[in-house]
Amino acid sequence: MARTVRAGCLLLVAVLAGGIVASVLSRSDPARAARDGGPILLAVTALYLAGSITVTSRASRASERALKIGATTGFGAVAAATAVVFALPPVPHATGPALVLAAAAATIAAARTATAGDARVGAARIATAGAARVGAARTALAGDARFPAAPAASSGDAPIAAAPAATARDTRIAATVGEARTAARLGTATGATATGPAGVIDLDGGGPEPRTAPPSPRTDRVLAALLAAVVTALGTVVAVGLIAWLGPARLIPDAGPAALAPAARLAQSRTELVDPYVAVLVAGALASGLLAVLARPLRRAAPAARRLSAKDRAAPTTTPTL
């Protein structure tokens, strides 16, 4: 999913960069146009590029769920808006609708991420609790098998103590292993350690290793919302630019002087169509910069691992009392 999201975002950035270069070269004085607006447009493109690469990198704090929801919401909003424009032309010659669209996409992405996160946490808790109970039951059965029931004592024999049941320590170890196995199945295991409700379990007896902290539900919501807003803003600007360049005349609002000939007025309207969307482009770039900052990994050492040593795994040392 991360590669797909990165490819889609980089495609939008590439189209944006190509449009900027074509716009500069089409001016009567390209050198002056590059000096006047080149640094700002270069910074905007760099911010979009930084956000796209950082949020989809391997070390990103964004989960697969946040990437999927944020990207699909953003591209879906752009596709829906484009369909509405083709059904109800012309393209709005204003900044407001595009900003409202980006804000709505961010809100929807945050709500979808929260709903999906709650469902996943609930399923994880149920699975973990079940695994812990199964592990405790298996340990209790293993304890009974290690100490079979003693034969009935005759009247002249000394009393023989019953086989000891599984100790609380055995039950706790079994529950811990069950939590670790469940965490591994749910995708939260890292190397030989697994993160469960009981803490970080070291399954092979090794020491803890530094790892990236798992994203919190709030972080997932924020990153999904920012990604949706960035994709919506950038996609809207790219779509408007393509319509202004290649779209039919019925999609172009009449913004040229009335004194011009129809063909010249249409050409002027195509040129001025993109002007209101510069603010949308800058707002999306700022959101992309914030996305790049928040998606950077915060590396820290994992908590002290609860080691299940050979002594812990061995059978209880308690022996029957004769």
C-alpha atoms as a PDB file:
ATOM      1  CA  MET A   1       0.000   0.000   0.000  1.00  0.00           C
ATOM      2  CA  ALA A   2       2.812   2.434   0.825  1.00  0.00           C
ATOM      3  CA  ARG A   3       4.358   1.974  -2.632  1.00  0.00           C
ATOM      4  CA  THR A   4       1.025   2.560  -4.335  1.00  0.00           C
ATOM      5  CA  VAL A   5       0.361   5.721  -2.334  1.00  0.00           C
ATOM      6  CA  ARG A   6       3.871   6.982  -3.024  1.00  0.00           C
ATOM      7  CA  ALA A   7       3.501   6.334  -6.762  1.00  0.00           C
ATOM      8  CA  GLY A   8       0.203   8.234  -6.870  1.00  0.00           C
ATOM      9  CA  CYS A   9       1.550  11.202  -4.918  1.00  0.00           C
ATOM     10  CA  LEU A  10       4.774  11.391  -6.918  1.00  0.00           C
ATOM     11  CA  LEU A  11       2.757  11.277 -10.138  1.00  0.00           C
ATOM     12  CA  LEU A  12       0.797  14.337  -8.996  1.00  0.00           C
ATOM     13  CA  VAL A  13       4.027  16.115  -8.022  1.00  0.00           C
ATOM     14  CA  ALA A  14       5.561  15.301 -11.417  1.00  0.00           C
ATOM     15  CA  VAL A  15       2.532  16.672 -13.267  1.00  0.00           C
ATOM     16  CA  LEU A  16       2.653  19.791 -11.100  1.00  0.00           C
ATOM     17  CA  ALA A  17       6.356  20.324 -11.818  1.00  0.00           C
ATOM     18  CA  GLY A  18       5.782  19.837 -15.542  1.00  0.00           C
ATOM     19  CA  GLY A  19       2.928  22.331 -15.498  1.00  0.00           C
ATOM     20  CA  ILE A  20       5.062  24.905 -13.705  1.00  0.00           C
ATOM     21  CA  VAL A  21       7.884  24.528 -16.220  1.00  0.00           C
ATOM     22  CA  ALA A  22       5.467  24.767 -19.154  1.00  0.00           C
ATOM     23  CA  SER A  23       3.846  27.864 -17.658  1.00  0.00           C
ATOM     24  CA  VAL A  24       7.186  29.595 -17.193  1.00  0.00           C
ATOM     25  CA  LEU A  25       8.351  28.773 -20.702  1.00  0.00           C
ATOM     26  CA  SER A  26       5.105  30.037 -22.232  1.00  0.00           C
ATOM     27  CA  ARG A  27       5.630  33.556 -20.878  1.00  0.00           C
ATOM     28  CA  SER A  28       6.981  36.317 -23.049  1.00  0.00           C
ATOM     29  CA  ASP A  29      10.008  36.651 -20.742  1.00  0.00           C
ATOM     30  CA  PRO A  30      10.701  33.206 -19.235  1.00  0.00           C
ATOM     31  CA  ALA A  31      13.814  34.385 -17.383  1.00  0.00           C
ATOM     32  CA  ARG A  32      11.919  37.099 -15.538  1.00  0.00           C
ATOM     33  CA  ALA A  33       9.027  34.771 -14.793  1.00  0.00           C
ATOM     34  CA  ALA A  34      11.479  32.249 -13.323  1.00  0.00           C
ATOM     35  CA  ARG A  35      13.083  34.918 -11.136  1.00  0.00           C
ATOM     36  CA  ASP A  36       9.765  36.257  -9.881  1.00  0.00           C
ATOM     37  CA  GLY A  37       7.892  33.083  -9.016  1.00  0.00           C
ATOM     38  CA  GLY A  38      10.525  30.378  -9.365  1.00  0.00           C
ATOM     39  CA  PRO A  39      11.746  30.240  -5.729  1.00  0.00           C
ATOM     40  CA  ILE A  40       8.207  30.060  -4.311  1.00  0.00           C
ATOM     41  CA  LEU A  41       7.086  27.386  -6.760  1.00  0.00           C
ATOM     42  CA  LEU A  42      10.281  25.434  -6.129  1.00  0.00           C
ATOM     43  CA  ALA A  43       9.660  25.522  -2.376  1.00  0.00           C
ATOM     44  CA  VAL A  44       6.048  24.429  -2.872  1.00  0.00           C
ATOM     45  CA  THR A  45       7.118  21.492  -5.030  1.00  0.00           C
ATOM     46  CA  ALA A  46       9.796  20.519  -2.502  1.00  0.00           C
ATOM     47  CA  LEU A  47       7.243  20.491   0.332  1.00  0.00           C
ATOM     48  CA  TYR A  48       4.921  18.223  -1.626  1.00  0.00           C
ATOM     49  CA  LEU A  49       7.828  15.948  -2.460  1.00  0.00           C
ATOM     50  CA  ALA A  50       9.007  15.803   1.162  1.00  0.00           C
ATOM     51  CA  GLY A  51       5.563  14.966   2.479  1.00  0.00           C
ATOM     52  CA  SER A  52       4.973  12.260  -0.131  1.00  0.00           C
ATOM     53  CA  ILE A  53       8.297  10.528   0.489  1.00  0.00           C
ATOM     54  CA  THR A  54       8.316  10.804   4.282  1.00  0.00           C
ATOM     55  CA  VAL A  55       4.798   9.545   4.939  1.00  0.00           C
ATOM     56  CA  THR A  56       5.299   6.498   2.670  1.00  0.00           C
ATOM     57  CA  SER A  57       8.794   5.557   3.835  1.00  0.00           C
ATOM     58  CA  ARG A  58       9.496   2.346   5.741  1.00  0.00           C
ATOM     59  CA  ALA A  59      10.196   4.255   8.960  1.00  0.00           C
ATOM     60  CA  SER A  60       7.080   6.424   8.711  1.00  0.00           C
ATOM     61  CA  ARG A  61       4.807   6.647  11.730  1.00  0.00           C
ATOM     62  CA  ALA A  62       1.782   6.311   9.445  1.00  0.00           C
ATOM     63  CA  SER A  63       0.205   2.861   9.523  1.00  0.00           C
ATOM     64  CA  GLU A  64      -0.999   1.016   6.449  1.00  0.00           C
ATOM     65  CA  ARG A  65      -4.548   1.819   7.500  1.00  0.00           C
ATOM     66  CA  ALA A  66      -3.841   5.558   7.681  1.00  0.00           C
ATOM     67  CA  LEU A  67      -2.133   5.551   4.272  1.00  0.00           C
ATOM     68  CA  LYS A  68      -4.956   3.626   2.650  1.00  0.00           C
ATOM     69  CA  ILE A  69      -7.746   5.740   4.113  1.00  0.00           C
ATOM     70  CA  GLY A  70      -5.989   9.070   3.560  1.00  0.00           C
ATOM     71  CA  ALA A  71      -5.026   8.361  -0.050  1.00  0.00           C
ATOM     72  CA  THR A  72      -8.342   6.830  -1.096  1.00  0.00           C
ATOM     73  CA  THR A  73     -10.288   9.658   0.514  1.00  0.00           C
ATOM     74  CA  GLY A  74      -8.168  12.316  -1.197  1.00  0.00           C
ATOM     75  CA  PHE A  75      -8.220  10.775  -4.654  1.00  0.00           C
ATOM     76  CA  GLY A  76     -11.909   9.987  -4.257  1.00  0.00           C
ATOM     77  CA  ALA A  77     -12.677  13.616  -3.414  1.00  0.00           C
ATOM     78  CA  VAL A  78     -10.788  14.827  -6.491  1.00  0.00           C
ATOM     79  CA  ALA A  79     -12.546  12.306  -8.729  1.00  0.00           C
ATOM     80  CA  ALA A  80     -15.962  13.254  -7.326  1.00  0.00           C
ATOM     81  CA  ALA A  81     -15.301  16.988  -7.767  1.00  0.00           C
ATOM     82  CA  THR A  82     -14.114  16.463 -11.340  1.00  0.00           C
ATOM     83  CA  ALA A  83     -17.246  14.474 -12.139  1.00  0.00           C
ATOM     84  CA  VAL A  84     -19.423  17.246 -10.702  1.00  0.00           C
ATOM     85  CA  VAL A  85     -17.616  19.857 -12.809  1.00  0.00           C
ATOM     86  CA  PHE A  86     -18.190  17.851 -15.985  1.00  0.00           C
ATOM     87  CA  ALA A  87     -21.841  17.403 -15.054  1.00  0.00           C
ATOM     88  CA  LEU A  88     -22.393  21.006 -13.936  1.00  0.00           C
ATOM     89  CA  PRO A  89     -19.878  23.240 -15.761  1.00  0.00           C
ATOM     90  CA  PRO A  90     -17.947  25.483 -15.589  1.00  0.00           C
ATOM     91  CA  VAL A  91     -15.026  25.097 -13.162  1.00  0.00           C
ATOM     92  CA  PRO A  92     -15.488  27.396 -10.128  1.00  0.00           C
ATOM     93  CA  HIS A  93     -13.312  30.493 -10.523  1.00  0.00           C
ATOM     94  CA  ALA A  94     -12.794  30.802  -6.765  1.00  0.00           C
ATOM     95  CA  THR A  95     -10.645  29.408  -3.950  1.00  0.00           C
ATOM     96  CA  GLY A  96     -13.414  28.621  -1.467  1.00  0.00           C
ATOM     97  CA  PRO A  97     -14.874  25.415  -2.965  1.00  0.00           C
ATOM     98  CA  ALA A  98     -11.466  23.749  -3.241  1.00  0.00           C
ATOM     99  CA  LEU A  99     -10.541  24.593   0.354  1.00  0.00           C
ATOM    100  CA  VAL A 100     -13.898  23.308   1.588  1.00  0.00           C
ATOM    101  CA  LEU A 101     -13.363  20.114  -0.395  1.00  0.00           C
ATOM    102  CA  ALA A 102      -9.924  19.569   1.177  1.00  0.00           C
ATOM    103  CA  ALA A 103     -11.277  20.208   4.691  1.00  0.00           C
ATOM    104  CA  ALA A 104     -14.164  17.797   4.096  1.00  0.00           C
ATOM    105  CA  ALA A 105     -11.786  15.104   2.834  1.00  0.00           C
ATOM    106  CA  ALA A 106      -9.584  15.516   5.921  1.00  0.00           C
ATOM    107  CA  THR A 107     -12.592  15.245   8.233  1.00  0.00           C
ATOM    108  CA  ILE A 108     -13.891  12.126   6.489  1.00  0.00           C
ATOM    109  CA  ALA A 109     -10.451  10.478   6.571  1.00  0.00           C
ATOM    110  CA  ALA A 110     -10.071  11.146  10.299  1.00  0.00           C
ATOM    111  CA  ALA A 111     -13.524   9.722  11.014  1.00  0.00           C
ATOM    112  CA  ARG A 112     -12.873   6.616   8.892  1.00  0.00           C
ATOM    113  CA  THR A 113      -9.526   6.010  10.600  1.00  0.00           C
ATOM    114  CA  ALA A 114     -11.068   6.316  14.060  1.00  0.00           C
ATOM    115  CA  THR A 115     -13.835   3.848  13.173  1.00  0.00           C
ATOM    116  CA  ALA A 116     -11.421   1.327  11.673  1.00  0.00           C
ATOM    117  CA  GLY A 117      -9.055   1.687  14.620  1.00  0.00           C
ATOM    118  CA  ASP A 118     -11.791   1.040  17.189  1.00  0.00           C
ATOM    119  CA  ALA A 119     -12.895  -2.094  15.352  1.00  0.00           C
ATOM    120  CA  ARG A 120      -9.317  -3.405  15.126  1.00  0.00           C
ATOM    121  CA  VAL A 121      -8.581  -2.731  18.793  1.00  0.00           C
ATOM    122  CA  GLY A 122     -11.761  -4.522  19.830  1.00  0.00           C
ATOM    123  CA  ALA A 123     -10.879  -7.575  17.743  1.00  0.00           C
ATOM    124  CA  ALA A 124      -7.327  -7.566  19.115  1.00  0.00           C
ATOM    125  CA  ARG A 125      -8.532  -7.455  22.715  1.00  0.00           C
ATOM    126  CA  ILE A 126     -10.932 -10.341  22.157  1.00  0.00           C
ATOM    127  CA  ALA A 127      -8.271 -12.436  20.433  1.00  0.00           C
ATOM    128  CA  THR A 128      -5.668 -11.662  23.101  1.00  0.00           C
ATOM    129  CA  ALA A 129      -8.007 -12.536  25.966  1.00  0.00           C
ATOM    130  CA  GLY A 130      -8.924 -15.807  24.274  1.00  0.00           C
ATOM    131  CA  ALA A 131      -5.287 -16.706  23.673  1.00  0.00           C
ATOM    132  CA  ALA A 132      -4.413 -15.965  27.292  1.00  0.00           C
ATOM    133  CA  ARG A 133      -7.211 -18.205  28.575  1.00  0.00           C
ATOM    134  CA  VAL A 134      -6.189 -21.014  26.206  1.00  0.00           C
ATOM    135  CA  GLY A 135      -2.568 -20.717  27.310  1.00  0.00           C
ATOM    136  CA  ALA A 136      -3.530 -20.887  30.980  1.00  0.00           C
ATOM    137  CA  ALA A 137      -5.709 -23.933  30.355  1.00  0.00           C
ATOM    138  CA  ARG A 138      -2.912 -25.709  28.483  1.00  0.00           C
ATOM    139  CA  THR A 139      -0.499 -25.034  31.318  1.00  0.00           C
ATOM    140  CA  ALA A 140      -2.944 -26.394  33.854  1.00  0.00           C
ATOM    141  CA  LEU A 141      -3.427 -29.559  31.776  1.00  0.00           C
ATOM    142  CA  ALA A 142       0.329 -29.922  31.375  1.00  0.00           C
ATOM    143  CA  GLY A 143       0.753 -29.665  35.130  1.00  0.00           C
ATOM    144  CA  ASP A 144      -1.813 -32.402  35.666  1.00  0.00           C
ATOM    145  CA  ALA A 145      -0.047 -34.631  33.127  1.00  0.00           C
ATOM    146  CA  ARG A 146       3.336 -34.157  34.809  1.00  0.00           C
ATOM    147  CA  PHE A 147       1.842 -35.163  38.157  1.00  0.00           C
ATOM    148  CA  PRO A 148      -0.665 -37.981  37.591  1.00  0.00           C
ATOM    149  CA  ALA A 149      -3.161 -38.784  40.231  1.00  0.00           C
ATOM    150  CA  ALA A 150      -1.753 -40.919  43.058  1.00  0.00           C
ATOM    151  CA  PRO A 151      -3.261 -44.388  43.680  1.00  0.00           C
ATOM    152  CA  ALA A 152      -5.677 -44.764  46.515  1.00  0.00           C
ATOM    153  CA  ALA A 153      -3.879 -45.264  49.805  1.00  0.00           C
ATOM    154  CA  SER A 154      -4.643 -48.277  51.964  1.00  0.00           C
ATOM    155  CA  SER A 155      -5.357 -47.960  55.646  1.00  0.00           C
ATOM    156  CA  GLY A 156      -1.805 -48.910  56.622  1.00  0.00           C
ATOM    157  CA  ASP A 157       0.019 -46.687  54.183  1.00  0.00           C
ATOM    158  CA  ALA A 158       1.227 -43.183  54.833  1.00  0.00           C
ATOM    159  CA  PRO A 159      -0.911 -40.495  53.249  1.00  0.00           C
ATOM    160  CA  ILE A 160       0.237 -39.377  49.823  1.00  0.00           C
ATOM    161  CA  ALA A 161      -0.319 -35.743  48.860  1.00  0.00           C
ATOM    162  CA  ALA A 162      -2.368 -35.000  45.763  1.00  0.00           C
ATOM    163  CA  ALA A 163      -0.612 -33.804  42.646  1.00  0.00           C
ATOM    164  CA  PRO A 164      -0.040 -30.047  42.788  1.00  0.00           C
ATOM    165  CA  ALA A 165      -2.084 -27.993  40.356  1.00  0.00           C
ATOM    166  CA  ALA A 166      -0.498 -25.518  37.998  1.00  0.00           C
ATOM    167  CA  THR A 167       0.978 -22.675  39.981  1.00  0.00           C
ATOM    168  CA  ALA A 168       0.005 -19.063  39.545  1.00  0.00           C
ATOM    169  CA  ARG A 169       3.436 -18.510  38.046  1.00  0.00           C
ATOM    170  CA  ASP A 170       2.768 -21.135  35.355  1.00  0.00           C
ATOM    171  CA  THR A 171      -0.586 -19.559  34.536  1.00  0.00           C
ATOM    172  CA  ARG A 172       0.988 -16.104  34.263  1.00  0.00           C
ATOM    173  CA  ILE A 173       3.707 -17.392  31.931  1.00  0.00           C
ATOM    174  CA  ALA A 174       1.149 -19.152  29.743  1.00  0.00           C
ATOM    175  CA  ALA A 175      -0.980 -16.033  29.531  1.00  0.00           C
ATOM    176  CA  THR A 176       2.079 -14.008  28.573  1.00  0.00           C
ATOM    177  CA  VAL A 177       3.019 -16.430  25.794  1.00  0.00           C
ATOM    178  CA  GLY A 178      -0.553 -16.426  24.549  1.00  0.00           C
ATOM    179  CA  GLU A 179      -0.562 -12.629  24.405  1.00  0.00           C
ATOM    180  CA  ALA A 180       2.742 -12.637  22.540  1.00  0.00           C
ATOM    181  CA  ARG A 181       1.520 -15.146  19.967  1.00  0.00           C
ATOM    182  CA  THR A 182      -1.655 -13.172  19.435  1.00  0.00           C
ATOM    183  CA  ALA A 183       0.342  -9.956  19.022  1.00  0.00           C
ATOM    184  CA  ALA A 184       2.488 -11.677  16.418  1.00  0.00           C
ATOM    185  CA  ARG A 185      -0.601 -12.768  14.490  1.00  0.00           C
ATOM    186  CA  LEU A 186      -1.997  -9.227  14.656  1.00  0.00           C
ATOM    187  CA  GLY A 187       1.169  -7.796  13.134  1.00  0.00           C
ATOM    188  CA  THR A 188       2.636  -6.078  16.200  1.00  0.00           C
ATOM    189  CA  ALA A 189       5.568  -8.437  16.628  1.00  0.00           C
ATOM    190  CA  THR A 190       9.061  -7.100  15.961  1.00  0.00           C
ATOM    191  CA  GLY A 191      11.818  -9.612  15.432  1.00  0.00           C
ATOM    192  CA  ALA A 192      11.985 -11.995  18.381  1.00  0.00           C
ATOM    193  CA  THR A 193       9.876  -9.744  20.601  1.00  0.00           C
ATOM    194  CA  ALA A 194       6.147  -9.222  20.516  1.00  0.00           C
ATOM    195  CA  THR A 195       4.103  -6.405  21.995  1.00  0.00           C
ATOM    196  CA  GLY A 196       1.004  -7.461  23.873  1.00  0.00           C
ATOM    197  CA  PRO A 197      -1.143  -6.085  26.687  1.00  0.00           C
ATOM    198  CA  ALA A 198       1.284  -7.585  29.205  1.00  0.00           C
ATOM    199  CA  GLY A 199       4.250  -5.724  27.756  1.00  0.00           C
ATOM    200  CA  VAL A 200       7.080  -6.579  25.374  1.00  0.00           C
ATOM    201  CA  ILE A 201       7.735 -10.300  25.462  1.00  0.00           C
ATOM    202  CA  ASP A 202      11.169 -11.632  24.521  1.00  0.00           C
ATOM    203  CA  LEU A 203      10.344 -15.020  23.010  1.00  0.00           C
ATOM    204  CA  ASP A 204      13.872 -16.227  22.394  1.00  0.00           C
ATOM    205  CA  GLY A 205      15.584 -14.905  25.510  1.00  0.00           C
ATOM    206  CA  GLY A 206      17.461 -12.132  23.705  1.00  0.00           C
ATOM    207  CA  GLY A 207      17.695  -8.546  24.864  1.00  0.00           C
ATOM    208  CA  PRO A 208      15.465  -5.710  23.737  1.00  0.00           C
ATOM    209  CA  GLU A 209      16.312  -3.878  20.537  1.00  0.00           C
ATOM    210  CA  PRO A 210      15.563  -0.254  19.627  1.00  0.00           C
ATOM    211  CA  ARG A 211      12.491   0.001  17.468  1.00  0.00           C
ATOM    212  CA  THR A 212      10.081   2.617  16.222  1.00  0.00           C
ATOM    213  CA  ALA A 213       7.226   3.259  18.605  1.00  0.00           C
ATOM    214  CA  PRO A 214       3.898   2.048  17.183  1.00  0.00           C
ATOM    215  CA  PRO A 215       1.605   4.877  16.100  1.00  0.00           C
ATOM    216  CA  SER A 216      -1.128   5.885  18.489  1.00  0.00           C
ATOM    217  CA  PRO A 217      -4.740   6.098  17.280  1.00  0.00           C
ATOM    218  CA  ARG A 218      -4.573   9.888  17.491  1.00  0.00           C
ATOM    219  CA  THR A 219      -1.419   9.974  15.362  1.00  0.00           C
ATOM    220  CA  ASP A 220      -3.073   7.722  12.796  1.00  0.00           C
ATOM    221  CA  ARG A 221      -6.094  10.024  12.587  1.00  0.00           C
ATOM    222  CA  VAL A 222      -3.970  13.152  12.188  1.00  0.00           C
ATOM    223  CA  LEU A 223      -1.728  11.624   9.524  1.00  0.00           C
ATOM    224  CA  ALA A 224      -4.685  10.233   7.567  1.00  0.00           C
ATOM    225  CA  ALA A 225      -6.444  13.612   7.684  1.00  0.00           C
ATOM    226  CA  LEU A 226      -3.328  15.497   6.554  1.00  0.00           C
ATOM    227  CA  LEU A 227      -2.660  13.021   3.747  1.00  0.00           C
ATOM    228  CA  ALA A 228      -6.241  13.346   2.522  1.00  0.00           C
ATOM    229  CA  ALA A 229      -6.020  17.152   2.600  1.00  0.00           C
ATOM    230  CA  VAL A 230      -2.686  17.172   0.746  1.00  0.00           C
ATOM    231  CA  VAL A 231      -3.862  14.758  -1.949  1.00  0.00           C
ATOM    232  CA  THR A 232      -7.122  16.679  -2.375  1.00  0.00           C
ATOM    233  CA  ALA A 233      -5.422  20.080  -2.668  1.00  0.00           C
ATOM    234  CA  LEU A 234      -2.694  18.892  -5.028  1.00  0.00           C
ATOM    235  CA  GLY A 235      -5.065  16.761  -7.083  1.00  0.00           C
ATOM    236  CA  THR A 236      -7.532  19.627  -7.426  1.00  0.00           C
ATOM    237  CA  VAL A 237      -4.851  22.012  -8.682  1.00  0.00           C
ATOM    238  CA  VAL A 238      -3.553  19.417 -11.138  1.00  0.00           C
ATOM    239  CA  ALA A 239      -7.079  18.668 -12.390  1.00  0.00           C
ATOM    240  CA  VAL A 240      -7.862  22.373 -12.845  1.00  0.00           C
ATOM    241  CA  GLY A 241      -4.576  22.881 -14.693  1.00  0.00           C
ATOM    242  CA  LEU A 242      -5.292  20.002 -17.051  1.00  0.00           C
ATOM    243  CA  ILE A 243      -8.834  21.283 -17.682  1.00  0.00           C
ATOM    244  CA  ALA A 244      -7.517  24.793 -18.343  1.00  0.00           C
ATOM    245  CA  TRP A 245      -5.015  23.392 -20.831  1.00  0.00           C
ATOM    246  CA  LEU A 246      -6.974  20.607 -22.538  1.00  0.00           C
ATOM    247  CA  GLY A 247     -10.587  20.896 -21.353  1.00  0.00           C
ATOM    248  CA  PRO A 248     -13.501  21.811 -23.606  1.00  0.00           C
ATOM    249  CA  ALA A 249     -14.668  25.415 -23.755  1.00  0.00           C
ATOM    250  CA  ARG A 250     -17.857  24.696 -21.813  1.00  0.00           C
ATOM    251  CA  LEU A 251     -15.776  23.948 -18.679  1.00  0.00           C
ATOM    252  CA  ILE A 252     -13.905  27.262 -18.813  1.00  0.00           C
ATOM    253  CA  PRO A 253     -15.555  30.213 -17.013  1.00  0.00           C
ATOM    254  CA  ASP A 254     -15.659  33.427 -19.023  1.00  0.00           C
ATOM    255  CA  ALA A 255     -13.070  35.628 -17.296  1.00  0.00           C
ATOM    256  CA  GLY A 256     -11.607  37.517 -20.285  1.00  0.00           C
ATOM    257  CA  PRO A 257     -12.338  41.110 -21.299  1.00  0.00           C
ATOM    258  CA  ALA A 258     -15.519  41.545 -23.335  1.00  0.00           C
ATOM    259  CA  ALA A 259     -13.678  43.616 -25.943  1.00  0.00           C
ATOM    260  CA  LEU A 260     -11.606  40.633 -27.079  1.00  0.00           C
ATOM    261  CA  ALA A 261     -12.588  38.285 -29.854  1.00  0.00           C
ATOM    262  CA  PRO A 262     -14.184  35.004 -28.713  1.00  0.00           C
ATOM    263  CA  ALA A 263     -11.040  32.947 -29.377  1.00  0.00           C
ATOM    264  CA  ALA A 264      -8.784  35.438 -27.612  1.00  0.00           C
ATOM    265  CA  ARG A 265     -11.215  35.730 -24.708  1.00  0.00           C
ATOM    266  CA  LEU A 266     -11.274  31.943 -24.307  1.00  0.00           C
ATOM    267  CA  ALA A 267      -7.469  31.839 -24.317  1.00  0.00           C
ATOM    268  CA  GLN A 268      -7.365  34.568 -21.669  1.00  0.00           C
ATOM    269  CA  SER A 269      -9.949  32.722 -19.575  1.00  0.00           C
ATOM    270  CA  ARG A 270      -7.890  29.537 -19.712  1.00  0.00           C
ATOM    271  CA  THR A 271      -4.846  31.432 -18.463  1.00  0.00           C
ATOM    272  CA  GLU A 272      -6.717  33.098 -15.595  1.00  0.00           C
ATOM    273  CA  LEU A 273      -8.561  29.971 -14.511  1.00  0.00           C
ATOM    274  CA  VAL A 274      -5.605  28.668 -12.493  1.00  0.00           C
ATOM    275  CA  ASP A 275      -4.896  31.948 -10.672  1.00  0.00           C
ATOM    276  CA  PRO A 276      -7.391  31.480  -7.783  1.00  0.00           C
ATOM    277  CA  TYR A 277      -6.023  27.990  -7.114  1.00  0.00           C
ATOM    278  CA  VAL A 278      -2.549  29.243  -6.223  1.00  0.00           C
ATOM    279  CA  ALA A 279      -3.791  29.735  -2.659  1.00  0.00           C
ATOM    280  CA  VAL A 280      -5.023  26.124  -2.619  1.00  0.00           C
ATOM    281  CA  LEU A 281      -1.625  24.979  -3.884  1.00  0.00           C
ATOM    282  CA  VAL A 282       0.200  26.878  -1.121  1.00  0.00           C
ATOM    283  CA  ALA A 283      -2.195  25.650   1.593  1.00  0.00           C
ATOM    284  CA  GLY A 284      -1.676  22.061   0.467  1.00  0.00           C
ATOM    285  CA  ALA A 285       2.099  22.554   0.476  1.00  0.00           C
ATOM    286  CA  LEU A 286       2.005  23.786   4.076  1.00  0.00           C
ATOM    287  CA  ALA A 287      -0.089  20.766   5.046  1.00  0.00           C
ATOM    288  CA  SER A 288       2.415  18.538   3.257  1.00  0.00           C
ATOM    289  CA  GLY A 289       5.277  20.086   5.209  1.00  0.00           C
ATOM    290  CA  LEU A 290       3.417  19.434   8.470  1.00  0.00           C
ATOM    291  CA  LEU A 291       2.766  15.873   7.301  1.00  0.00           C
ATOM    292  CA  ALA A 292       6.487  15.354   6.691  1.00  0.00           C
ATOM    293  CA  VAL A 293       7.298  16.574  10.217  1.00  0.00           C
ATOM    294  CA  LEU A 294       4.660  14.457  11.982  1.00  0.00           C
ATOM    295  CA  ALA A 295       5.368  11.314   9.963  1.00  0.00           C
ATOM    296  CA  ARG A 296       9.053  11.265  10.890  1.00  0.00           C
ATOM    297  CA  PRO A 297       9.799   8.307  13.182  1.00  0.00           C
ATOM    298  CA  LEU A 298      10.546   8.930  16.841  1.00  0.00           C
ATOM    299  CA  ARG A 299      12.989   6.144  17.655  1.00  0.00           C
ATOM    300  CA  ARG A 300      13.329   5.021  21.232  1.00  0.00           C
ATOM    301  CA  ALA A 301      14.443   1.927  23.024  1.00  0.00           C
ATOM    302  CA  ALA A 302      11.795  -0.703  23.572  1.00  0.00           C
ATOM    303  CA  PRO A 303      10.667  -1.283  27.170  1.00  0.00           C
ATOM    304  CA  ALA A 304      12.543  -3.864  29.201  1.00  0.00           C
ATOM    305  CA  ALA A 305      11.610  -7.249  27.837  1.00  0.00           C
ATOM    306  CA  ARG A 306      10.025  -9.817  30.061  1.00  0.00           C
ATOM    307  CA  ARG A 307      12.309 -12.726  29.393  1.00  0.00           C
ATOM    308  CA  LEU A 308      10.967 -16.244  29.344  1.00  0.00           C
ATOM    309  CA  SER A 309      14.154 -18.070  30.212  1.00  0.00           C
ATOM    310  CA  ALA A 310      14.731 -21.801  30.190  1.00  0.00           C
ATOM    311  CA  LYS A 311      14.076 -21.826  33.924  1.00  0.00           C
ATOM    312  CA  ASP A 312      10.666 -20.206  33.383  1.00  0.00           C
ATOM    313  CA  ARG A 313       9.793 -22.659  30.611  1.00  0.00           C
ATOM    314  CA  ALA A 314      10.856 -25.694  32.592  1.00  0.00           C
ATOM    315  CA  ALA A 315       8.488 -27.810  34.634  1.00  0.00           C
ATOM    316  CA  PRO A 316       7.729 -26.663  38.184  1.00  0.00           C
ATOM    317  CA  THR A 317      10.254 -27.866  40.692  1.00  0.00           C
ATOM    318  CA  THR A 318       7.546 -28.836  43.180  1.00  0.00           C
ATOM    319  CA  THR A 319       7.614 -32.597  43.892  1.00  0.00           C
ATOM    320  CA  PRO A 320       4.939 -34.739  45.488  1.00  0.00           C
ATOM    321  CA  THR A 321       5.204 -34.996  49.246  1.00  0.00           C
ATOM    322  CA  LEU A 322       5.271 -38.579  50.417  1.00  0.00           C
END
